[in-house]
C-alpha atoms as a PDB file:
ATOM      1  CA  MET A   1      11.680  -2.372  -6.789  1.00  0.00           C
ATOM      2  CA  SER A   2       9.513  -5.372  -7.042  1.00  0.00           C
ATOM      3  CA  ASN A   3       5.810  -6.804  -5.809  1.00  0.00           C
ATOM      4  CA  VAL A   4       7.717  -7.480  -2.789  1.00  0.00           C
ATOM      5  CA  GLY A   5      10.045  -9.690  -4.507  1.00  0.00           C
ATOM      6  CA  ALA A   6       7.401  -9.747  -6.896  1.00  0.00           C
ATOM      7  CA  ARG A   7       7.863  -6.950  -9.213  1.00  0.00           C
ATOM      8  CA  GLY A   8      11.464  -5.749  -9.935  1.00  0.00           C
ATOM      9  CA  HIS A   9      12.995  -2.644 -11.491  1.00  0.00           C
ATOM     10  CA  ALA A  10      15.443  -3.634 -13.549  1.00  0.00           C
ATOM     11  CA  SER A  11      18.669  -1.788 -13.709  1.00  0.00           C
ATOM     12  CA  HIS A  12      19.712  -2.505 -17.441  1.00  0.00           C
ATOM     13  CA  PRO A  13      17.660  -4.384 -20.432  1.00  0.00           C
ATOM     14  CA  ARG A  14      20.278  -7.613 -19.510  1.00  0.00           C
ATOM     15  CA  ALA A  15      19.242  -7.131 -16.130  1.00  0.00           C
ATOM     16  CA  VAL A  16      15.900  -8.416 -16.986  1.00  0.00           C
ATOM     17  CA  ASP A  17      17.152 -11.012 -19.818  1.00  0.00           C
ATOM     18  CA  ASP A  18      19.247 -12.458 -17.546  1.00  0.00           C
ATOM     19  CA  HIS A  19      16.421 -12.992 -14.928  1.00  0.00           C
ATOM     20  CA  ALA A  20      13.735 -15.595 -15.553  1.00  0.00           C
ATOM     21  CA  PRO A  21      10.815 -13.266 -14.119  1.00  0.00           C
ATOM     22  CA  ARG A  22       8.893 -16.181 -11.579  1.00  0.00           C
ATOM     23  CA  LYS A  23       5.139 -15.989 -11.818  1.00  0.00           C
ATOM     24  CA  ARG A  24       5.141 -17.004  -8.271  1.00  0.00           C
ATOM     25  CA  PHE A  25       6.108 -13.973  -7.185  1.00  0.00           C
ATOM     26  CA  GLY A  26       4.108 -12.021  -9.764  1.00  0.00           C
ATOM     27  CA  GLN A  27       7.629  -9.994 -11.335  1.00  0.00           C
ATOM     28  CA  ASN A  28       7.410  -7.762 -14.094  1.00  0.00           C
ATOM     29  CA  PHE A  29      10.244  -5.636 -14.154  1.00  0.00           C
ATOM     30  CA  LEU A  30      10.004  -2.017 -14.766  1.00  0.00           C
ATOM     31  CA  ALA A  31      12.832  -1.222 -17.510  1.00  0.00           C
ATOM     32  CA  ASP A  32      11.563   2.619 -18.076  1.00  0.00           C
ATOM     33  CA  PRO A  33      14.316   4.410 -16.515  1.00  0.00           C
ATOM     34  CA  HIS A  34      12.212   7.329 -17.459  1.00  0.00           C
ATOM     35  CA  TYR A  35       9.298   6.344 -14.593  1.00  0.00           C
ATOM     36  CA  VAL A  36      12.613   5.279 -12.458  1.00  0.00           C
ATOM     37  CA  ALA A  37      13.599   8.579 -12.469  1.00  0.00           C
ATOM     38  CA  ARG A  38      10.318  10.155 -11.679  1.00  0.00           C
ATOM     39  CA  ILE A  39       9.418   7.506  -8.895  1.00  0.00           C
ATOM     40  CA  VAL A  40      13.217   8.530  -7.322  1.00  0.00           C
ATOM     41  CA  ALA A  41      12.229  12.396  -7.742  1.00  0.00           C
ATOM     42  CA  ALA A  42       8.916  11.539  -5.723  1.00  0.00           C
ATOM     43  CA  VAL A  43       9.890  10.382  -3.147  1.00  0.00           C
ATOM     44  CA  ASP A  44      13.090  12.902  -3.035  1.00  0.00           C
ATOM     45  CA  PRO A  45      14.892  11.062  -0.358  1.00  0.00           C
ATOM     46  CA  LYS A  46      17.839  13.081   1.571  1.00  0.00           C
ATOM     47  CA  PRO A  47      20.407  11.881   3.521  1.00  0.00           C
ATOM     48  CA  GLY A  48      20.069  10.649   7.056  1.00  0.00           C
ATOM     49  CA  GLU A  49      16.442   9.460   6.243  1.00  0.00           C
ATOM     50  CA  HIS A  50      15.384   5.797   7.033  1.00  0.00           C
ATOM     51  CA  VAL A  51      14.049   4.545   3.675  1.00  0.00           C
ATOM     52  CA  VAL A  52      12.690   1.138   3.190  1.00  0.00           C
ATOM     53  CA  GLU A  53      12.258   0.053  -0.294  1.00  0.00           C
ATOM     54  CA  ILE A  54       9.846  -3.078  -0.421  1.00  0.00           C
ATOM     55  CA  GLY A  55      10.785  -5.703  -3.077  1.00  0.00           C
ATOM     56  CA  PRO A  56      14.169  -3.737  -4.509  1.00  0.00           C
ATOM     57  CA  GLY A  57      14.017  -6.513  -7.254  1.00  0.00           C
ATOM     58  CA  LEU A  58      16.791  -5.578  -9.648  1.00  0.00           C
ATOM     59  CA  ALA A  59      17.801  -2.479  -8.029  1.00  0.00           C
ATOM     60  CA  ALA A  60      17.381  -0.058 -10.845  1.00  0.00           C
ATOM     61  CA  LEU A  61      15.295   1.802  -7.849  1.00  0.00           C
ATOM     62  CA  THR A  62      17.606   0.852  -5.372  1.00  0.00           C
ATOM     63  CA  GLY A  63      20.910   2.375  -6.913  1.00  0.00           C
ATOM     64  CA  GLY A  64      18.865   6.133  -7.099  1.00  0.00           C
ATOM     65  CA  LEU A  65      17.771   5.627  -3.303  1.00  0.00           C
ATOM     66  CA  ILE A  66      20.476   5.218  -2.210  1.00  0.00           C
ATOM     67  CA  GLU A  67      22.404   7.701  -3.846  1.00  0.00           C
ATOM     68  CA  ARG A  68      20.655  10.523  -2.369  1.00  0.00           C
ATOM     69  CA  ALA A  69      20.141   8.445   1.194  1.00  0.00           C
ATOM     70  CA  GLY A  70      23.266   7.233   1.567  1.00  0.00           C
ATOM     71  CA  HIS A  71      21.728   3.959   3.042  1.00  0.00           C
ATOM     72  CA  ILE A  72      18.296   2.015   2.955  1.00  0.00           C
ATOM     73  CA  ASP A  73      16.625  -1.352   4.397  1.00  0.00           C
ATOM     74  CA  ALA A  74      15.426  -2.863   1.562  1.00  0.00           C
ATOM     75  CA  ILE A  75      12.991  -6.261   2.115  1.00  0.00           C
ATOM     76  CA  GLU A  76      12.817  -8.819  -0.837  1.00  0.00           C
ATOM     77  CA  ILE A  77      11.506 -12.270  -1.033  1.00  0.00           C
ATOM     78  CA  ASP A  78      13.764 -13.662  -4.079  1.00  0.00           C
ATOM     79  CA  ARG A  79      16.309 -15.628  -2.797  1.00  0.00           C
ATOM     80  CA  ASP A  80      18.374 -15.450  -6.262  1.00  0.00           C
ATOM     81  CA  LEU A  81      17.304 -11.633  -5.724  1.00  0.00           C
ATOM     82  CA  ALA A  82      18.722 -11.262  -2.653  1.00  0.00           C
ATOM     83  CA  ALA A  83      22.294 -12.512  -3.362  1.00  0.00           C
ATOM     84  CA  ARG A  84      22.596  -9.915  -6.120  1.00  0.00           C
ATOM     85  CA  LEU A  85      21.775  -7.461  -4.319  1.00  0.00           C
ATOM     86  CA  ARG A  86      24.459  -8.149  -1.844  1.00  0.00           C
ATOM     87  CA  GLU A  87      26.883  -8.561  -4.345  1.00  0.00           C
ATOM     88  CA  ARG A  88      26.103  -5.267  -5.677  1.00  0.00           C
ATOM     89  CA  PHE A  89      25.560  -2.882  -2.426  1.00  0.00           C
ATOM     90  CA  PRO A  90      27.736  -3.360   0.567  1.00  0.00           C
ATOM     91  CA  PRO A  91      26.083  -2.764   3.774  1.00  0.00           C
ATOM     92  CA  ALA A  92      27.156   0.717   4.764  1.00  0.00           C
ATOM     93  CA  GLN A  93      24.595   1.390   1.623  1.00  0.00           C
ATOM     94  CA  LEU A  94      21.961  -1.743   1.806  1.00  0.00           C
ATOM     95  CA  THR A  95      20.550  -3.716   4.498  1.00  0.00           C
ATOM     96  CA  LEU A  96      18.914  -6.487   3.309  1.00  0.00           C
ATOM     97  CA  HIS A  97      15.862  -8.017   4.907  1.00  0.00           C
ATOM     98  CA  VAL A  98      15.409 -11.547   2.998  1.00  0.00           C
ATOM     99  CA  SER A  99      11.688 -11.658   3.996  1.00  0.00           C
ATOM    100  CA  ASP A 100       8.272 -11.557   3.095  1.00  0.00           C
ATOM    101  CA  ALA A 101       6.498  -8.234   3.989  1.00  0.00           C
ATOM    102  CA  LEU A 102       3.238  -9.463   4.409  1.00  0.00           C
ATOM    103  CA  ASP A 103       5.097 -11.098   7.347  1.00  0.00           C
ATOM    104  CA  PHE A 104       7.666  -8.511   8.111  1.00  0.00           C
ATOM    105  CA  ASP A 105       7.915  -6.248  11.372  1.00  0.00           C
ATOM    106  CA  PHE A 106       8.100  -2.822  10.249  1.00  0.00           C
ATOM    107  CA  GLY A 107       8.220  -1.370  14.016  1.00  0.00           C
ATOM    108  CA  ALA A 108      11.314  -3.314  14.731  1.00  0.00           C
ATOM    109  CA  LEU A 109      12.962  -0.792  12.066  1.00  0.00           C
ATOM    110  CA  GLY A 110      12.125   2.276  14.107  1.00  0.00           C
ATOM    111  CA  SER A 111      10.240   5.449  13.585  1.00  0.00           C
ATOM    112  CA  ASP A 112      10.158   7.947  10.525  1.00  0.00           C
ATOM    113  CA  LEU A 113      10.051   5.385   7.978  1.00  0.00           C
ATOM    114  CA  ARG A 114       9.997   6.863   4.109  1.00  0.00           C
ATOM    115  CA  VAL A 115       8.503   3.636   2.788  1.00  0.00           C
ATOM    116  CA  VAL A 116       9.058   3.134  -0.950  1.00  0.00           C
ATOM    117  CA  GLY A 117       7.596   0.042  -2.610  1.00  0.00           C
ATOM    118  CA  ASN A 118       6.018  -1.614  -6.374  1.00  0.00           C
ATOM    119  CA  LEU A 119       3.489  -3.574  -4.645  1.00  0.00           C
ATOM    120  CA  PRO A 120       2.368  -6.994  -5.847  1.00  0.00           C
ATOM    121  CA  TYR A 121      -1.133  -6.886  -7.618  1.00  0.00           C
ATOM    122  CA  ASN A 122      -2.138 -10.238  -5.936  1.00  0.00           C
ATOM    123  CA  ILE A 123      -1.271  -9.302  -2.333  1.00  0.00           C
ATOM    124  CA  SER A 124      -1.707  -5.101  -2.546  1.00  0.00           C
ATOM    125  CA  SER A 125      -4.494  -4.962   0.055  1.00  0.00           C
ATOM    126  CA  PRO A 126      -3.788  -7.126   2.854  1.00  0.00           C
ATOM    127  CA  LEU A 127      -0.230  -5.638   2.094  1.00  0.00           C
ATOM    128  CA  LEU A 128      -1.883  -2.262   2.667  1.00  0.00           C
ATOM    129  CA  PHE A 129      -3.711  -3.149   5.861  1.00  0.00           C
ATOM    130  CA  HIS A 130      -0.420  -4.699   7.114  1.00  0.00           C
ATOM    131  CA  LEU A 131       1.700  -1.168   6.531  1.00  0.00           C
ATOM    132  CA  ALA A 132      -1.204   0.938   8.373  1.00  0.00           C
ATOM    133  CA  GLY A 133      -1.256  -0.971  11.236  1.00  0.00           C
ATOM    134  CA  HIS A 134       2.181   0.350  11.535  1.00  0.00           C
ATOM    135  CA  ALA A 135       1.206   4.178  10.692  1.00  0.00           C
ATOM    136  CA  ALA A 136       2.836   5.090  14.010  1.00  0.00           C
ATOM    137  CA  ASN A 137       6.058   4.195  12.706  1.00  0.00           C
ATOM    138  CA  LEU A 138       5.621   5.733   8.915  1.00  0.00           C
ATOM    139  CA  SER A 139       6.388   9.211   7.667  1.00  0.00           C
ATOM    140  CA  ASP A 140       5.404   8.204   4.742  1.00  0.00           C
ATOM    141  CA  LEU A 141       4.374   5.675   1.898  1.00  0.00           C
ATOM    142  CA  THR A 142       5.393   5.885  -1.946  1.00  0.00           C
ATOM    143  CA  VAL A 143       3.717   2.877  -3.837  1.00  0.00           C
ATOM    144  CA  MET A 144       3.781   1.330  -7.204  1.00  0.00           C
ATOM    145  CA  LEU A 145      -0.056  -0.261  -7.674  1.00  0.00           C
ATOM    146  CA  GLN A 146      -2.079  -1.757 -10.412  1.00  0.00           C
ATOM    147  CA  LYS A 147      -4.221   1.684 -11.105  1.00  0.00           C
ATOM    148  CA  GLU A 148      -7.455   0.444 -10.437  1.00  0.00           C
ATOM    149  CA  VAL A 149      -6.522  -0.243  -6.740  1.00  0.00           C
ATOM    150  CA  VAL A 150      -5.353   3.306  -6.324  1.00  0.00           C
ATOM    151  CA  ASP A 151      -8.407   4.629  -8.029  1.00  0.00           C
ATOM    152  CA  ARG A 152     -10.325   2.757  -5.321  1.00  0.00           C
ATOM    153  CA  MET A 153      -8.085   4.123  -1.802  1.00  0.00           C
ATOM    154  CA  THR A 154      -8.301   7.357  -3.100  1.00  0.00           C
ATOM    155  CA  ALA A 155     -12.295   7.221  -4.125  1.00  0.00           C
ATOM    156  CA  ALA A 156     -15.252   9.236  -2.633  1.00  0.00           C
ATOM    157  CA  PRO A 157     -18.163   8.033  -1.344  1.00  0.00           C
ATOM    158  CA  GLY A 158     -21.291   6.964  -3.761  1.00  0.00           C
ATOM    159  CA  THR A 159     -18.791   6.297  -6.097  1.00  0.00           C
ATOM    160  CA  ALA A 160     -18.279   2.636  -7.929  1.00  0.00           C
ATOM    161  CA  GLU A 161     -14.780   2.260  -6.657  1.00  0.00           C
ATOM    162  CA  TYR A 162     -15.631   3.334  -2.835  1.00  0.00           C
ATOM    163  CA  GLY A 163     -15.253   0.432  -1.003  1.00  0.00           C
ATOM    164  CA  ARG A 164     -13.822  -1.250   2.329  1.00  0.00           C
ATOM    165  CA  LEU A 165     -10.349  -0.754   1.139  1.00  0.00           C
ATOM    166  CA  THR A 166     -11.206   3.185   0.720  1.00  0.00           C
ATOM    167  CA  VAL A 167     -12.635   3.349   4.104  1.00  0.00           C
ATOM    168  CA  MET A 168     -10.084   1.438   5.881  1.00  0.00           C
ATOM    169  CA  LEU A 169      -7.318   3.265   4.347  1.00  0.00           C
ATOM    170  CA  GLN A 170      -8.761   6.657   5.123  1.00  0.00           C
ATOM    171  CA  ALA A 171      -9.172   6.584   8.550  1.00  0.00           C
ATOM    172  CA  VAL A 172      -5.341   6.451   8.537  1.00  0.00           C
ATOM    173  CA  PHE A 173      -3.798   7.795   5.529  1.00  0.00           C
ATOM    174  CA  SER A 174      -3.944  11.247   3.443  1.00  0.00           C
ATOM    175  CA  MET A 175      -3.534   9.775  -0.069  1.00  0.00           C
ATOM    176  CA  GLU A 176      -2.857  11.231  -3.070  1.00  0.00           C
ATOM    177  CA  ARG A 177      -2.530   9.318  -6.790  1.00  0.00           C
ATOM    178  CA  LEU A 178       1.125  11.259  -8.151  1.00  0.00           C
ATOM    179  CA  PHE A 179       1.036   9.689 -11.848  1.00  0.00           C
ATOM    180  CA  THR A 180       0.293   6.779 -13.297  1.00  0.00           C
ATOM    181  CA  VAL A 181       3.033   4.175 -15.101  1.00  0.00           C
ATOM    182  CA  PRO A 182       1.833   2.478 -18.660  1.00  0.00           C
ATOM    183  CA  PRO A 183       2.357  -1.231 -19.164  1.00  0.00           C
ATOM    184  CA  GLY A 184       4.926  -0.762 -21.458  1.00  0.00           C
ATOM    185  CA  ALA A 185       7.410   0.663 -19.210  1.00  0.00           C
ATOM    186  CA  PHE A 186       7.543  -2.760 -17.747  1.00  0.00           C
ATOM    187  CA  ARG A 187       9.238  -6.685 -18.831  1.00  0.00           C
ATOM    188  CA  PRO A 188       7.041  -8.374 -19.258  1.00  0.00           C
ATOM    189  CA  ALA A 189       4.245  -6.047 -19.741  1.00  0.00           C
ATOM    190  CA  PRO A 190       1.514  -6.309 -17.342  1.00  0.00           C
ATOM    191  CA  LYS A 191      -2.094  -6.005 -19.098  1.00  0.00           C
ATOM    192  CA  VAL A 192      -3.128  -3.287 -16.689  1.00  0.00           C
ATOM    193  CA  ASP A 193      -1.870  -0.046 -15.566  1.00  0.00           C
ATOM    194  CA  SER A 194      -0.287   1.306 -12.948  1.00  0.00           C
ATOM    195  CA  ALA A 195      -0.120   4.004 -10.765  1.00  0.00           C
ATOM    196  CA  VAL A 196       1.932   5.502  -7.938  1.00  0.00           C
ATOM    197  CA  ALA A 197       0.765   7.142  -4.994  1.00  0.00           C
ATOM    198  CA  ARG A 198       1.423   8.213  -1.751  1.00  0.00           C
ATOM    199  CA  LEU A 199       0.448   7.893   1.734  1.00  0.00           C
ATOM    200  CA  VAL A 200       1.067  10.459   4.891  1.00  0.00           C
ATOM    201  CA  PRO A 201      -0.196   9.167   8.173  1.00  0.00           C
ATOM    202  CA  LEU A 202      -3.205  11.288   9.614  1.00  0.00           C
ATOM    203  CA  ARG A 203      -2.105  11.184  13.116  1.00  0.00           C
ATOM    204  CA  GLU A 204      -3.733  13.293  15.713  1.00  0.00           C
ATOM    205  CA  ARG A 205      -5.459  13.887  12.394  1.00  0.00           C
ATOM    206  CA  ALA A 206      -6.943  10.292  12.262  1.00  0.00           C
ATOM    207  CA  PRO A 207     -10.822  10.236  13.716  1.00  0.00           C
ATOM    208  CA  ALA A 208     -10.767   8.456  16.999  1.00  0.00           C
ATOM    209  CA  ILE A 209     -11.473   4.670  16.803  1.00  0.00           C
ATOM    210  CA  ALA A 210     -12.548   3.222  20.233  1.00  0.00           C
ATOM    211  CA  ASP A 211     -12.287  -0.239  18.874  1.00  0.00           C
ATOM    212  CA  ARG A 212     -10.671  -1.251  15.738  1.00  0.00           C
ATOM    213  CA  GLU A 213     -11.763  -5.098  15.008  1.00  0.00           C
ATOM    214  CA  LEU A 214     -15.270  -3.824  15.648  1.00  0.00           C
ATOM    215  CA  PHE A 215     -14.433  -0.977  13.387  1.00  0.00           C
ATOM    216  CA  ALA A 216     -13.081  -3.459  10.567  1.00  0.00           C
ATOM    217  CA  ARG A 217     -15.642  -5.217  11.305  1.00  0.00           C
ATOM    218  CA  VAL A 218     -18.382  -3.285  10.916  1.00  0.00           C
ATOM    219  CA  VAL A 219     -16.410  -1.853   7.721  1.00  0.00           C
ATOM    220  CA  ALA A 220     -16.530  -5.242   6.340  1.00  0.00           C
ATOM    221  CA  ALA A 221     -20.048  -5.996   6.583  1.00  0.00           C
ATOM    222  CA  ALA A 222     -21.244  -2.982   5.268  1.00  0.00           C
ATOM    223  CA  PHE A 223     -19.819  -3.541   2.069  1.00  0.00           C
ATOM    224  CA  SER A 224     -19.996  -7.704   1.791  1.00  0.00           C
ATOM    225  CA  GLN A 225     -22.919  -7.800  -0.536  1.00  0.00           C
ATOM    226  CA  ARG A 226     -23.071  -3.818  -1.967  1.00  0.00           C
ATOM    227  CA  ARG A 227     -26.544  -4.135  -3.183  1.00  0.00           C
ATOM    228  CA  LYS A 228     -28.053  -4.882   0.757  1.00  0.00           C
ATOM    229  CA  THR A 229     -28.916  -2.123   2.572  1.00  0.00           C
ATOM    230  CA  LEU A 230     -27.071  -1.529   5.837  1.00  0.00           C
ATOM    231  CA  ARG A 231     -30.310  -2.836   8.014  1.00  0.00           C
ATOM    232  CA  ASN A 232     -29.551  -6.036   6.315  1.00  0.00           C
ATOM    233  CA  ALA A 233     -25.831  -5.627   5.805  1.00  0.00           C
ATOM    234  CA  LEU A 234     -25.112  -4.753   9.649  1.00  0.00           C
ATOM    235  CA  SER A 235     -28.003  -6.803  11.325  1.00  0.00           C
ATOM    236  CA  ALA A 236     -25.965  -9.534  13.106  1.00  0.00           C
ATOM    237  CA  LEU A 237     -24.162  -6.114  14.534  1.00  0.00           C
ATOM    238  CA  CYS A 238     -27.157  -3.641  15.357  1.00  0.00           C
ATOM    239  CA  ASP A 239     -30.546  -3.031  14.641  1.00  0.00           C
ATOM    240  CA  ALA A 240     -32.277  -0.150  12.785  1.00  0.00           C
ATOM    241  CA  ASP A 241     -32.826   1.936  15.456  1.00  0.00           C
ATOM    242  CA  THR A 242     -29.115   1.873  16.649  1.00  0.00           C
ATOM    243  CA  LEU A 243     -28.360   3.152  12.929  1.00  0.00           C
ATOM    244  CA  ARG A 244     -30.998   5.734  13.457  1.00  0.00           C
ATOM    245  CA  GLU A 245     -29.385   6.947  16.727  1.00  0.00           C
ATOM    246  CA  SER A 246     -26.294   6.970  15.090  1.00  0.00           C
ATOM    247  CA  GLY A 247     -27.311   9.170  12.334  1.00  0.00           C
ATOM    248  CA  ILE A 248     -27.545   6.665   9.716  1.00  0.00           C
ATOM    249  CA  ASP A 249     -30.809   6.185   7.168  1.00  0.00           C
ATOM    250  CA  PRO A 250     -31.189   1.967   7.958  1.00  0.00           C
ATOM    251  CA  GLY A 251     -31.727   2.134   4.171  1.00  0.00           C
ATOM    252  CA  ALA A 252     -29.143   3.795   2.490  1.00  0.00           C
ATOM    253  CA  ARG A 253     -25.920   1.293   1.619  1.00  0.00           C
ATOM    254  CA  GLY A 254     -22.515   1.231   2.279  1.00  0.00           C
ATOM    255  CA  GLU A 255     -20.953   2.823  -0.066  1.00  0.00           C
ATOM    256  CA  THR A 256     -23.046   6.533   0.164  1.00  0.00           C
ATOM    257  CA  LEU A 257     -21.635   6.630   4.225  1.00  0.00           C
ATOM    258  CA  ALA A 258     -18.289   8.725   4.751  1.00  0.00           C
ATOM    259  CA  VAL A 259     -15.197   7.502   7.031  1.00  0.00           C
ATOM    260  CA  ALA A 260     -16.523   9.504  10.006  1.00  0.00           C
ATOM    261  CA  ASP A 261     -20.215   7.985   9.354  1.00  0.00           C
ATOM    262  CA  PHE A 262     -18.198   4.292  10.200  1.00  0.00           C
ATOM    263  CA  VAL A 263     -16.239   5.656  12.883  1.00  0.00           C
ATOM    264  CA  ARG A 264     -19.739   7.200  14.992  1.00  0.00           C
ATOM    265  CA  LEU A 265     -21.472   4.187  14.113  1.00  0.00           C
ATOM    266  CA  ALA A 266     -18.280   1.667  15.250  1.00  0.00           C
ATOM    267  CA  ASN A 267     -17.815   3.894  18.264  1.00  0.00           C
ATOM    268  CA  ALA A 268     -21.393   4.093  19.271  1.00  0.00           C
ATOM    269  CA  LEU A 269     -21.733   0.071  19.096  1.00  0.00           C
ATOM    270  CA  ALA A 270     -18.356  -0.193  21.257  1.00  0.00           C
ATOM    271  CA  ARG A 271     -20.251   2.220  24.112  1.00  0.00           C
END
C-alpha cells in the first residue's frame, strides 16, 4: 500500500532496503506487520467483493487483501513498483492499473467498490474529493492519512479542525476514525502520526443538494478567510437578507454552520 504510488508497504525489511523511496511520490513504507494486519482486519474483505487498492507499493497489504478476497484491482503510479507487482501476483489475483489515482476513473471498475489506500499527504484532500465524486460506485473506503487530516474529516462545527474538507466530505460520507499509526511503523519514518479512517457513502441519507458546483463554491467561500463573517465571506454570492431568509446569522462565521445549514443556503441560492 503506497501513497498512490507514494507510500508503500514493505513485505519484509529487505524490500524497503532495495527500493529507494522516491521523494516525488512521498514514499514511506509501512514496515510494521502489526499495523498491516490491523488494516487488513479492519477491511475484512470477503471472497467475491470488489476490492481496489490505491498505491499497493511493496505489497505487504496487497498480499493480505488477495488472501481474503481472492482477487483485487490496484492503482500504482510508480512503474518500477508496478513491475514488481506483476512479477509477484498473476492476473488471476491482481489486476494492475499503472495510473495516477487523481486521474483514475473509478466508475469504470463498476459498483460496490471497497477502496483501500494509504493516501499521500500532499494530495490527500483532492484525492478524497475525487473519490467523493465516485461515491455512487463505492461501498466503502478504508484509508490511512495524516492524523491531522482525519481530525479535520471527522470534526464537529465550532471546532478548530472544522472546515471546507469536513463539510464537503460529511455531505457525502459517514466517517469514523478507527486507530492511529505511529511514525515508527514506517520506513523512513514520517514526522507526523497517521490514522486509519472508514468512510461509507450516505446514499439515500445524503442531503439533497440542488447544485453541487454552487454548494462547493458556497463552502469554499465561507472558509476562505476564517475570521470573516458570512456577510463578508459570501458577499459575492448573496446578501445579508438572503442569509437571514435561510435561517443563518450574517454575523456568524463559517465554522459555526452545520452541513445542513450550508445545504439549505446553497439550495436557496440555486432557486
